[in-house]
């Protein structure tokens, strides 16, 4: 009889660390990529808005706030962050409803 399969603690910690580094928290499993020209709703609990892809933090969008996707590049979306931020910036793509 084989031992039950378990997720290695190191792998889980790495995955959680990567999500925290990118500034996202999963609010639901329904998250999807943003569509250019569409004002998307944030499905993550929080999503960091940055000055450029992977750049400096300039604000946070929260679950239910919106982001108008104007362009995309290598897993990042550029556009206008509504809500408390109200300015252009970059967010990690894939966290929209």
PDB file of N, CA and C in Angstrom:
ATOM      1  N   UNK A   1       0.855  -1.178   0.000  1.00  0.00           N
ATOM      2  CA  UNK A   1       0.000   0.000   0.000  1.00  0.00           C
ATOM      3  C   UNK A   1       0.898   1.238   0.000  1.00  0.00           C
ATOM      4  N   UNK A   2       0.595   2.181  -0.840  1.00  0.00           N
ATOM      5  CA  UNK A   2       1.418   3.381  -0.925  1.00  0.00           C
ATOM      6  C   UNK A   2       0.942   4.430   0.075  1.00  0.00           C
ATOM      7  N   UNK A   3       1.867   5.306   0.429  1.00  0.00           N
ATOM      8  CA  UNK A   3       1.551   6.379   1.369  1.00  0.00           C
ATOM      9  C   UNK A   3       0.665   7.413   0.676  1.00  0.00           C
ATOM     10  N   UNK A   4      -0.194   8.091   1.434  1.00  0.00           N
ATOM     11  CA  UNK A   4      -1.031   9.122   0.806  1.00  0.00           C
ATOM     12  C   UNK A   4      -0.186  10.263   0.261  1.00  0.00           C
ATOM     13  N   UNK A   5      -0.640  10.854  -0.813  1.00  0.00           N
ATOM     14  CA  UNK A   5       0.088  11.966  -1.428  1.00  0.00           C
ATOM     15  C   UNK A   5      -0.192  13.247  -0.647  1.00  0.00           C
ATOM     16  N   UNK A   6       0.842  14.000  -0.418  1.00  0.00           N
ATOM     17  CA  UNK A   6       0.688  15.276   0.277  1.00  0.00           C
ATOM     18  C   UNK A   6       1.469  16.346  -0.461  1.00  0.00           C
ATOM     19  N   UNK A   7       1.019  17.580  -0.315  1.00  0.00           N
ATOM     20  CA  UNK A   7       1.722  18.718  -0.896  1.00  0.00           C
ATOM     21  C   UNK A   7       2.897  19.052   0.002  1.00  0.00           C
ATOM     22  N   UNK A   8       4.061  19.129  -0.569  1.00  0.00           N
ATOM     23  CA  UNK A   8       5.240  19.471   0.218  1.00  0.00           C
ATOM     24  C   UNK A   8       5.106  20.878   0.756  1.00  0.00           C
ATOM     25  N   UNK A   9       5.453  21.049   2.009  1.00  0.00           N
ATOM     26  CA  UNK A   9       5.362  22.355   2.653  1.00  0.00           C
ATOM     27  C   UNK A   9       6.174  23.401   1.904  1.00  0.00           C
ATOM     28  N   UNK A  10       7.346  23.038   1.426  1.00  0.00           N
ATOM     29  CA  UNK A  10       8.194  23.977   0.687  1.00  0.00           C
ATOM     30  C   UNK A  10       7.531  24.472  -0.581  1.00  0.00           C
ATOM     31  N   UNK A  11       6.852  23.583  -1.298  1.00  0.00           N
ATOM     32  CA  UNK A  11       6.175  23.975  -2.536  1.00  0.00           C
ATOM     33  C   UNK A  11       5.019  24.916  -2.242  1.00  0.00           C
ATOM     34  N   UNK A  12       4.280  24.631  -1.169  1.00  0.00           N
ATOM     35  CA  UNK A  12       3.172  25.490  -0.792  1.00  0.00           C
ATOM     36  C   UNK A  12       3.678  26.868  -0.387  1.00  0.00           C
ATOM     37  N   UNK A  13       4.729  26.903   0.396  1.00  0.00           N
ATOM     38  CA  UNK A  13       5.298  28.182   0.825  1.00  0.00           C
ATOM     39  C   UNK A  13       5.796  28.986  -0.371  1.00  0.00           C
ATOM     40  N   UNK A  14       6.378  28.309  -1.347  1.00  0.00           N
ATOM     41  CA  UNK A  14       6.857  28.987  -2.546  1.00  0.00           C
ATOM     42  C   UNK A  14       5.694  29.602  -3.326  1.00  0.00           C
ATOM     43  N   UNK A  15       4.610  28.856  -3.470  1.00  0.00           N
ATOM     44  CA  UNK A  15       3.440  29.356  -4.192  1.00  0.00           C
ATOM     45  C   UNK A  15       2.818  30.546  -3.472  1.00  0.00           C
ATOM     46  N   UNK A  16       2.701  30.461  -2.167  1.00  0.00           N
ATOM     47  CA  UNK A  16       2.131  31.571  -1.397  1.00  0.00           C
ATOM     48  C   UNK A  16       3.051  32.785  -1.474  1.00  0.00           C
ATOM     49  N   UNK A  17       4.345  32.558  -1.365  1.00  0.00           N
ATOM     50  CA  UNK A  17       5.308  33.657  -1.454  1.00  0.00           C
ATOM     51  C   UNK A  17       5.242  34.356  -2.798  1.00  0.00           C
ATOM     52  N   UNK A  18       5.095  33.591  -3.871  1.00  0.00           N
ATOM     53  CA  UNK A  18       5.009  34.185  -5.209  1.00  0.00           C
ATOM     54  C   UNK A  18       3.756  35.054  -5.324  1.00  0.00           C
ATOM     55  N   UNK A  19       2.639  34.585  -4.794  1.00  0.00           N
ATOM     56  CA  UNK A  19       1.401  35.368  -4.848  1.00  0.00           C
ATOM     57  C   UNK A  19       1.545  36.654  -4.042  1.00  0.00           C
ATOM     58  N   UNK A  20       2.171  36.570  -2.880  1.00  0.00           N
ATOM     59  CA  UNK A  20       2.357  37.767  -2.067  1.00  0.00           C
ATOM     60  C   UNK A  20       3.302  38.749  -2.739  1.00  0.00           C
ATOM     61  N   UNK A  21       4.356  38.243  -3.363  1.00  0.00           N
ATOM     62  CA  UNK A  21       5.315  39.093  -4.054  1.00  0.00           C
ATOM     63  C   UNK A  21       4.636  39.861  -5.187  1.00  0.00           C
ATOM     64  N   UNK A  22       3.747  39.206  -5.896  1.00  0.00           N
ATOM     65  CA  UNK A  22       3.052  39.842  -7.003  1.00  0.00           C
ATOM     66  C   UNK A  22       1.922  40.734  -6.521  1.00  0.00           C
ATOM     67  N   UNK A  23       1.528  40.588  -5.269  1.00  0.00           N
ATOM     68  CA  UNK A  23       0.517  41.465  -4.707  1.00  0.00           C
ATOM     69  C   UNK A  23      -0.899  41.071  -5.041  1.00  0.00           C
ATOM     70  N   UNK A  24      -1.180  39.783  -4.997  1.00  0.00           N
ATOM     71  CA  UNK A  24      -2.529  39.339  -5.264  1.00  0.00           C
ATOM     72  C   UNK A  24      -2.958  38.335  -4.210  1.00  0.00           C
ATOM     73  N   UNK A  25      -4.229  38.317  -3.925  1.00  0.00           N
ATOM     74  CA  UNK A  25      -4.830  37.319  -3.050  1.00  0.00           C
ATOM     75  C   UNK A  25      -6.052  36.791  -3.768  1.00  0.00           C
ATOM     76  N   UNK A  26      -6.167  35.501  -3.856  1.00  0.00           N
ATOM     77  CA  UNK A  26      -7.299  34.917  -4.556  1.00  0.00           C
ATOM     78  C   UNK A  26      -8.581  35.111  -3.769  1.00  0.00           C
ATOM     79  N   UNK A  27      -9.566  35.721  -4.400  1.00  0.00           N
ATOM     80  CA  UNK A  27     -10.865  35.882  -3.774  1.00  0.00           C
ATOM     81  C   UNK A  27     -11.823  34.811  -4.267  1.00  0.00           C
ATOM     82  N   UNK A  28     -11.524  34.231  -5.410  1.00  0.00           N
ATOM     83  CA  UNK A  28     -12.400  33.239  -6.015  1.00  0.00           C
ATOM     84  C   UNK A  28     -11.631  32.489  -7.091  1.00  0.00           C
ATOM     85  N   UNK A  29     -12.131  31.328  -7.459  1.00  0.00           N
ATOM     86  CA  UNK A  29     -11.479  30.557  -8.510  1.00  0.00           C
ATOM     87  C   UNK A  29     -11.971  30.964  -9.894  1.00  0.00           C
ATOM     88  N   UNK A  30     -12.807  31.998  -9.980  1.00  0.00           N
ATOM     89  CA  UNK A  30     -13.371  32.424 -11.252  1.00  0.00           C
ATOM     90  C   UNK A  30     -12.534  33.485 -11.949  1.00  0.00           C
ATOM     91  N   UNK A  31     -11.343  33.779 -11.426  1.00  0.00           N
ATOM     92  CA  UNK A  31     -10.516  34.835 -11.999  1.00  0.00           C
ATOM     93  C   UNK A  31     -10.168  34.520 -13.451  1.00  0.00           C
ATOM     94  N   UNK A  32     -10.061  35.581 -14.260  1.00  0.00           N
ATOM     95  CA  UNK A  32      -9.776  35.424 -15.686  1.00  0.00           C
ATOM     96  C   UNK A  32      -8.891  36.561 -16.173  1.00  0.00           C
ATOM     97  N   UNK A  33      -8.351  36.395 -17.372  1.00  0.00           N
ATOM     98  CA  UNK A  33      -7.545  37.442 -17.988  1.00  0.00           C
ATOM     99  C   UNK A  33      -8.429  38.616 -18.391  1.00  0.00           C
ATOM    100  N   UNK A  34      -7.838  39.813 -18.334  1.00  0.00           N
ATOM    101  CA  UNK A  34      -8.544  41.020 -18.756  1.00  0.00           C
ATOM    102  C   UNK A  34      -8.649  41.100 -20.264  1.00  0.00           C
ATOM    103  N   UNK A  35      -9.671  41.777 -20.746  1.00  0.00           N
ATOM    104  CA  UNK A  35      -9.878  41.966 -22.181  1.00  0.00           C
ATOM    105  C   UNK A  35      -9.641  43.422 -22.521  1.00  0.00           C
ATOM    106  N   UNK A  36      -8.838  43.663 -23.544  1.00  0.00           N
ATOM    107  CA  UNK A  36      -8.501  45.027 -23.959  1.00  0.00           C
ATOM    108  C   UNK A  36      -9.775  45.779 -24.330  1.00  0.00           C
ATOM    109  N   UNK A  37      -9.882  47.009 -23.792  1.00  0.00           N
ATOM    110  CA  UNK A  37     -11.038  47.847 -24.057  1.00  0.00           C
ATOM    111  C   UNK A  37     -12.207  47.613 -23.126  1.00  0.00           C
ATOM    112  N   UNK A  38     -12.038  46.722 -22.153  1.00  0.00           N
ATOM    113  CA  UNK A  38     -13.129  46.382 -21.238  1.00  0.00           C
ATOM    114  C   UNK A  38     -12.780  46.846 -19.826  1.00  0.00           C
ATOM    115  N   UNK A  39     -13.764  47.445 -19.151  1.00  0.00           N
ATOM    116  CA  UNK A  39     -13.597  47.821 -17.745  1.00  0.00           C
ATOM    117  C   UNK A  39     -13.914  46.575 -16.928  1.00  0.00           C
ATOM    118  N   UNK A  40     -12.855  45.929 -16.433  1.00  0.00           N
ATOM    119  CA  UNK A  40     -12.962  44.654 -15.733  1.00  0.00           C
ATOM    120  C   UNK A  40     -13.134  44.850 -14.228  1.00  0.00           C
ATOM    121  N   UNK A  41     -13.802  43.900 -13.585  1.00  0.00           N
ATOM    122  CA  UNK A  41     -13.975  43.898 -12.135  1.00  0.00           C
ATOM    123  C   UNK A  41     -12.904  42.995 -11.520  1.00  0.00           C
ATOM    124  N   UNK A  42     -12.274  43.466 -10.440  1.00  0.00           N
ATOM    125  CA  UNK A  42     -11.232  42.707  -9.753  1.00  0.00           C
ATOM    126  C   UNK A  42     -11.872  41.573  -8.958  1.00  0.00           C
ATOM    127  N   UNK A  43     -11.425  40.331  -9.203  1.00  0.00           N
ATOM    128  CA  UNK A  43     -11.919  39.170  -8.469  1.00  0.00           C
ATOM    129  C   UNK A  43     -11.012  38.814  -7.294  1.00  0.00           C
ATOM    130  N   UNK A  44      -9.767  39.264  -7.319  1.00  0.00           N
ATOM    131  CA  UNK A  44      -8.840  39.003  -6.210  1.00  0.00           C
ATOM    132  C   UNK A  44      -9.269  39.828  -5.006  1.00  0.00           C
ATOM    133  N   UNK A  45      -8.834  39.426  -3.813  1.00  0.00           N
ATOM    134  CA  UNK A  45      -9.123  40.229  -2.619  1.00  0.00           C
ATOM    135  C   UNK A  45      -8.433  41.577  -2.731  1.00  0.00           C
ATOM    136  N   UNK A  46      -7.212  41.578  -3.239  1.00  0.00           N
ATOM    137  CA  UNK A  46      -6.493  42.823  -3.497  1.00  0.00           C
ATOM    138  C   UNK A  46      -5.523  42.615  -4.650  1.00  0.00           C
ATOM    139  N   UNK A  47      -5.267  43.696  -5.377  1.00  0.00           N
ATOM    140  CA  UNK A  47      -4.428  43.641  -6.574  1.00  0.00           C
ATOM    141  C   UNK A  47      -3.609  44.921  -6.643  1.00  0.00           C
ATOM    142  N   UNK A  48      -2.283  44.784  -6.577  1.00  0.00           N
ATOM    143  CA  UNK A  48      -1.419  45.958  -6.567  1.00  0.00           C
ATOM    144  C   UNK A  48      -1.356  46.615  -7.938  1.00  0.00           C
ATOM    145  N   UNK A  49      -1.433  47.925  -7.956  1.00  0.00           N
ATOM    146  CA  UNK A  49      -1.238  48.719  -9.161  1.00  0.00           C
ATOM    147  C   UNK A  49       0.193  49.227  -9.104  1.00  0.00           C
ATOM    148  N   UNK A  50       0.920  49.073 -10.206  1.00  0.00           N
ATOM    149  CA  UNK A  50       2.347  49.394 -10.234  1.00  0.00           C
ATOM    150  C   UNK A  50       2.669  50.407 -11.329  1.00  0.00           C
ATOM    151  N   UNK A  51       3.842  51.040 -11.204  1.00  0.00           N
ATOM    152  CA  UNK A  51       4.273  52.045 -12.172  1.00  0.00           C
ATOM    153  C   UNK A  51       4.623  51.435 -13.521  1.00  0.00           C
ATOM    154  N   UNK A  52       5.086  50.194 -13.526  1.00  0.00           N
ATOM    155  CA  UNK A  52       5.361  49.427 -14.740  1.00  0.00           C
ATOM    156  C   UNK A  52       5.306  47.948 -14.361  1.00  0.00           C
ATOM    157  N   UNK A  53       5.365  47.009 -15.329  1.00  0.00           N
ATOM    158  CA  UNK A  53       5.265  45.591 -14.981  1.00  0.00           C
ATOM    159  C   UNK A  53       6.324  45.198 -13.942  1.00  0.00           C
ATOM    160  N   UNK A  54       5.876  44.788 -12.762  1.00  0.00           N
ATOM    161  CA  UNK A  54       6.780  44.400 -11.691  1.00  0.00           C
ATOM    162  C   UNK A  54       7.446  45.581 -11.004  1.00  0.00           C
ATOM    163  N   UNK A  55       7.035  46.793 -11.342  1.00  0.00           N
ATOM    164  CA  UNK A  55       7.650  48.009 -10.809  1.00  0.00           C
ATOM    165  C   UNK A  55       7.142  48.388  -9.434  1.00  0.00           C
ATOM    166  N   UNK A  56       7.366  49.643  -9.082  1.00  0.00           N
ATOM    167  CA  UNK A  56       7.014  50.166  -7.771  1.00  0.00           C
ATOM    168  C   UNK A  56       5.504  50.179  -7.561  1.00  0.00           C
ATOM    169  N   UNK A  57       5.100  49.907  -6.319  1.00  0.00           N
ATOM    170  CA  UNK A  57       3.696  49.920  -5.930  1.00  0.00           C
ATOM    171  C   UNK A  57       3.193  51.355  -5.883  1.00  0.00           C
ATOM    172  N   UNK A  58       1.980  51.581  -6.407  1.00  0.00           N
ATOM    173  CA  UNK A  58       1.406  52.923  -6.356  1.00  0.00           C
ATOM    174  C   UNK A  58      -0.012  52.927  -5.803  1.00  0.00           C
ATOM    175  N   UNK A  59      -0.535  51.758  -5.464  1.00  0.00           N
ATOM    176  CA  UNK A  59      -1.866  51.669  -4.894  1.00  0.00           C
ATOM    177  C   UNK A  59      -2.405  50.255  -4.968  1.00  0.00           C
ATOM    178  N   UNK A  60      -3.564  50.051  -4.379  1.00  0.00           N
ATOM    179  CA  UNK A  60      -4.173  48.726  -4.338  1.00  0.00           C
ATOM    180  C   UNK A  60      -5.630  48.797  -4.765  1.00  0.00           C
ATOM    181  N   UNK A  61      -6.007  47.923  -5.677  1.00  0.00           N
ATOM    182  CA  UNK A  61      -7.409  47.727  -6.036  1.00  0.00           C
ATOM    183  C   UNK A  61      -7.935  46.578  -5.185  1.00  0.00           C
ATOM    184  N   UNK A  62      -9.169  46.688  -4.717  1.00  0.00           N
ATOM    185  CA  UNK A  62      -9.762  45.657  -3.879  1.00  0.00           C
ATOM    186  C   UNK A  62     -10.892  44.953  -4.613  1.00  0.00           C
ATOM    187  N   UNK A  63     -11.229  43.785  -4.138  1.00  0.00           N
ATOM    188  CA  UNK A  63     -12.295  42.969  -4.730  1.00  0.00           C
ATOM    189  C   UNK A  63     -13.521  43.832  -5.026  1.00  0.00           C
ATOM    190  N   UNK A  64     -13.980  43.762  -6.270  1.00  0.00           N
ATOM    191  CA  UNK A  64     -15.157  44.510  -6.686  1.00  0.00           C
ATOM    192  C   UNK A  64     -14.858  45.851  -7.337  1.00  0.00           C
ATOM    193  N   UNK A  65     -13.630  46.376  -7.146  1.00  0.00           N
ATOM    194  CA  UNK A  65     -13.269  47.619  -7.831  1.00  0.00           C
ATOM    195  C   UNK A  65     -12.953  47.299  -9.289  1.00  0.00           C
ATOM    196  N   UNK A  66     -12.791  48.325 -10.107  1.00  0.00           N
ATOM    197  CA  UNK A  66     -12.657  48.088 -11.544  1.00  0.00           C
ATOM    198  C   UNK A  66     -11.371  48.665 -12.126  1.00  0.00           C
ATOM    199  N   UNK A  67     -11.002  48.103 -13.282  1.00  0.00           N
ATOM    200  CA  UNK A  67      -9.781  48.468 -13.999  1.00  0.00           C
ATOM    201  C   UNK A  67     -10.087  48.407 -15.488  1.00  0.00           C
ATOM    202  N   UNK A  68      -9.861  49.511 -16.204  1.00  0.00           N
ATOM    203  CA  UNK A  68     -10.063  49.542 -17.651  1.00  0.00           C
ATOM    204  C   UNK A  68      -8.779  49.091 -18.329  1.00  0.00           C
ATOM    205  N   UNK A  69      -8.820  47.915 -18.960  1.00  0.00           N
ATOM    206  CA  UNK A  69      -7.645  47.350 -19.623  1.00  0.00           C
ATOM    207  C   UNK A  69      -7.443  48.042 -20.965  1.00  0.00           C
ATOM    208  N   UNK A  70      -6.288  48.714 -21.120  1.00  0.00           N
ATOM    209  CA  UNK A  70      -5.984  49.425 -22.367  1.00  0.00           C
ATOM    210  C   UNK A  70      -4.956  48.689 -23.221  1.00  0.00           C
ATOM    211  N   UNK A  71      -4.070  47.929 -22.596  1.00  0.00           N
ATOM    212  CA  UNK A  71      -3.104  47.109 -23.333  1.00  0.00           C
ATOM    213  C   UNK A  71      -2.598  46.007 -22.411  1.00  0.00           C
ATOM    214  N   UNK A  72      -1.916  45.017 -23.006  1.00  0.00           N
ATOM    215  CA  UNK A  72      -1.380  43.894 -22.239  1.00  0.00           C
ATOM    216  C   UNK A  72       0.039  43.586 -22.709  1.00  0.00           C
ATOM    217  N   UNK A  73       0.844  43.083 -21.766  1.00  0.00           N
ATOM    218  CA  UNK A  73       2.230  42.747 -22.089  1.00  0.00           C
ATOM    219  C   UNK A  73       2.746  41.695 -21.112  1.00  0.00           C
ATOM    220  N   UNK A  74       3.096  40.525 -21.604  1.00  0.00           N
ATOM    221  CA  UNK A  74       3.757  39.473 -20.823  1.00  0.00           C
ATOM    222  C   UNK A  74       3.127  39.220 -19.453  1.00  0.00           C
ATOM    223  N   UNK A  75       1.825  38.990 -19.412  1.00  0.00           N
ATOM    224  CA  UNK A  75       1.154  38.678 -18.156  1.00  0.00           C
ATOM    225  C   UNK A  75       0.763  39.888 -17.321  1.00  0.00           C
ATOM    226  N   UNK A  76       0.908  41.076 -17.880  1.00  0.00           N
ATOM    227  CA  UNK A  76       0.549  42.313 -17.185  1.00  0.00           C
ATOM    228  C   UNK A  76      -0.453  43.081 -18.035  1.00  0.00           C
ATOM    229  N   UNK A  77      -1.323  43.839 -17.352  1.00  0.00           N
ATOM    230  CA  UNK A  77      -2.309  44.671 -18.039  1.00  0.00           C
ATOM    231  C   UNK A  77      -2.076  46.125 -17.653  1.00  0.00           C
ATOM    232  N   UNK A  78      -2.119  47.009 -18.669  1.00  0.00           N
ATOM    233  CA  UNK A  78      -1.986  48.452 -18.434  1.00  0.00           C
ATOM    234  C   UNK A  78      -3.341  49.089 -18.629  1.00  0.00           C
ATOM    235  N   UNK A  79      -3.660  50.049 -17.779  1.00  0.00           N
ATOM    236  CA  UNK A  79      -4.917  50.746 -17.952  1.00  0.00           C
ATOM    237  C   UNK A  79      -5.204  51.682 -16.802  1.00  0.00           C
ATOM    238  N   UNK A  80      -6.483  52.044 -16.664  1.00  0.00           N
ATOM    239  CA  UNK A  80      -6.905  53.001 -15.648  1.00  0.00           C
ATOM    240  C   UNK A  80      -7.530  52.267 -14.477  1.00  0.00           C
ATOM    241  N   UNK A  81      -6.974  52.497 -13.280  1.00  0.00           N
ATOM    242  CA  UNK A  81      -7.472  51.888 -12.047  1.00  0.00           C
ATOM    243  C   UNK A  81      -8.478  52.832 -11.401  1.00  0.00           C
ATOM    244  N   UNK A  82      -9.728  52.404 -11.340  1.00  0.00           N
ATOM    245  CA  UNK A  82     -10.769  53.205 -10.692  1.00  0.00           C
ATOM    246  C   UNK A  82     -10.717  52.950  -9.187  1.00  0.00           C
ATOM    247  N   UNK A  83     -11.686  53.456  -8.451  1.00  0.00           N
ATOM    248  CA  UNK A  83     -11.701  53.257  -7.004  1.00  0.00           C
ATOM    249  C   UNK A  83     -10.878  54.329  -6.313  1.00  0.00           C
ATOM    250  N   UNK A  84     -10.116  53.944  -5.308  1.00  0.00           N
ATOM    251  CA  UNK A  84      -9.320  54.892  -4.534  1.00  0.00           C
ATOM    252  C   UNK A  84      -8.121  55.426  -5.299  1.00  0.00           C
ATOM    253  N   UNK A  85      -7.698  54.740  -6.357  1.00  0.00           N
ATOM    254  CA  UNK A  85      -6.466  55.100  -7.060  1.00  0.00           C
ATOM    255  C   UNK A  85      -6.705  56.163  -8.124  1.00  0.00           C
ATOM    256  N   UNK A  86      -7.628  55.904  -9.039  1.00  0.00           N
ATOM    257  CA  UNK A  86      -7.985  56.837 -10.112  1.00  0.00           C
ATOM    258  C   UNK A  86      -6.780  57.357 -10.883  1.00  0.00           C
ATOM    259  N   UNK A  87      -5.985  56.436 -11.383  1.00  0.00           N
ATOM    260  CA  UNK A  87      -4.842  56.788 -12.222  1.00  0.00           C
ATOM    261  C   UNK A  87      -4.430  55.579 -13.058  1.00  0.00           C
ATOM    262  N   UNK A  88      -3.609  55.832 -14.061  1.00  0.00           N
ATOM    263  CA  UNK A  88      -3.109  54.763 -14.921  1.00  0.00           C
ATOM    264  C   UNK A  88      -1.985  53.997 -14.229  1.00  0.00           C
ATOM    265  N   UNK A  89      -1.913  52.703 -14.541  1.00  0.00           N
ATOM    266  CA  UNK A  89      -0.849  51.873 -14.011  1.00  0.00           C
ATOM    267  C   UNK A  89      -0.945  50.461 -14.554  1.00  0.00           C
ATOM    268  N   UNK A  90      -0.111  49.593 -14.014  1.00  0.00           N
ATOM    269  CA  UNK A  90      -0.020  48.198 -14.441  1.00  0.00           C
ATOM    270  C   UNK A  90      -0.482  47.283 -13.309  1.00  0.00           C
ATOM    271  N   UNK A  91      -1.195  46.199 -13.665  1.00  0.00           N
ATOM    272  CA  UNK A  91      -1.576  45.165 -12.709  1.00  0.00           C
ATOM    273  C   UNK A  91      -1.244  43.811 -13.318  1.00  0.00           C
ATOM    274  N   UNK A  92      -1.079  42.821 -12.453  1.00  0.00           N
ATOM    275  CA  UNK A  92      -0.874  41.463 -12.967  1.00  0.00           C
ATOM    276  C   UNK A  92      -2.186  41.005 -13.605  1.00  0.00           C
ATOM    277  N   UNK A  93      -2.108  40.493 -14.820  1.00  0.00           N
ATOM    278  CA  UNK A  93      -3.300  40.017 -15.531  1.00  0.00           C
ATOM    279  C   UNK A  93      -3.755  38.693 -14.929  1.00  0.00           C
ATOM    280  N   UNK A  94      -5.015  38.374 -15.102  1.00  0.00           N
ATOM    281  CA  UNK A  94      -5.535  37.083 -14.671  1.00  0.00           C
ATOM    282  C   UNK A  94      -6.315  37.132 -13.370  1.00  0.00           C
ATOM    283  N   UNK A  95      -6.601  38.317 -12.862  1.00  0.00           N
ATOM    284  CA  UNK A  95      -7.309  38.456 -11.586  1.00  0.00           C
ATOM    285  C   UNK A  95      -8.614  39.221 -11.723  1.00  0.00           C
ATOM    286  N   UNK A  96      -9.249  39.091 -12.894  1.00  0.00           N
ATOM    287  CA  UNK A  96     -10.516  39.778 -13.149  1.00  0.00           C
ATOM    288  C   UNK A  96     -11.651  38.756 -13.215  1.00  0.00           C
ATOM    289  N   UNK A  97     -12.868  39.206 -12.927  1.00  0.00           N
ATOM    290  CA  UNK A  97     -14.047  38.316 -12.962  1.00  0.00           C
ATOM    291  C   UNK A  97     -14.474  38.063 -14.400  1.00  0.00           C
TER     292      UNK A  97
END
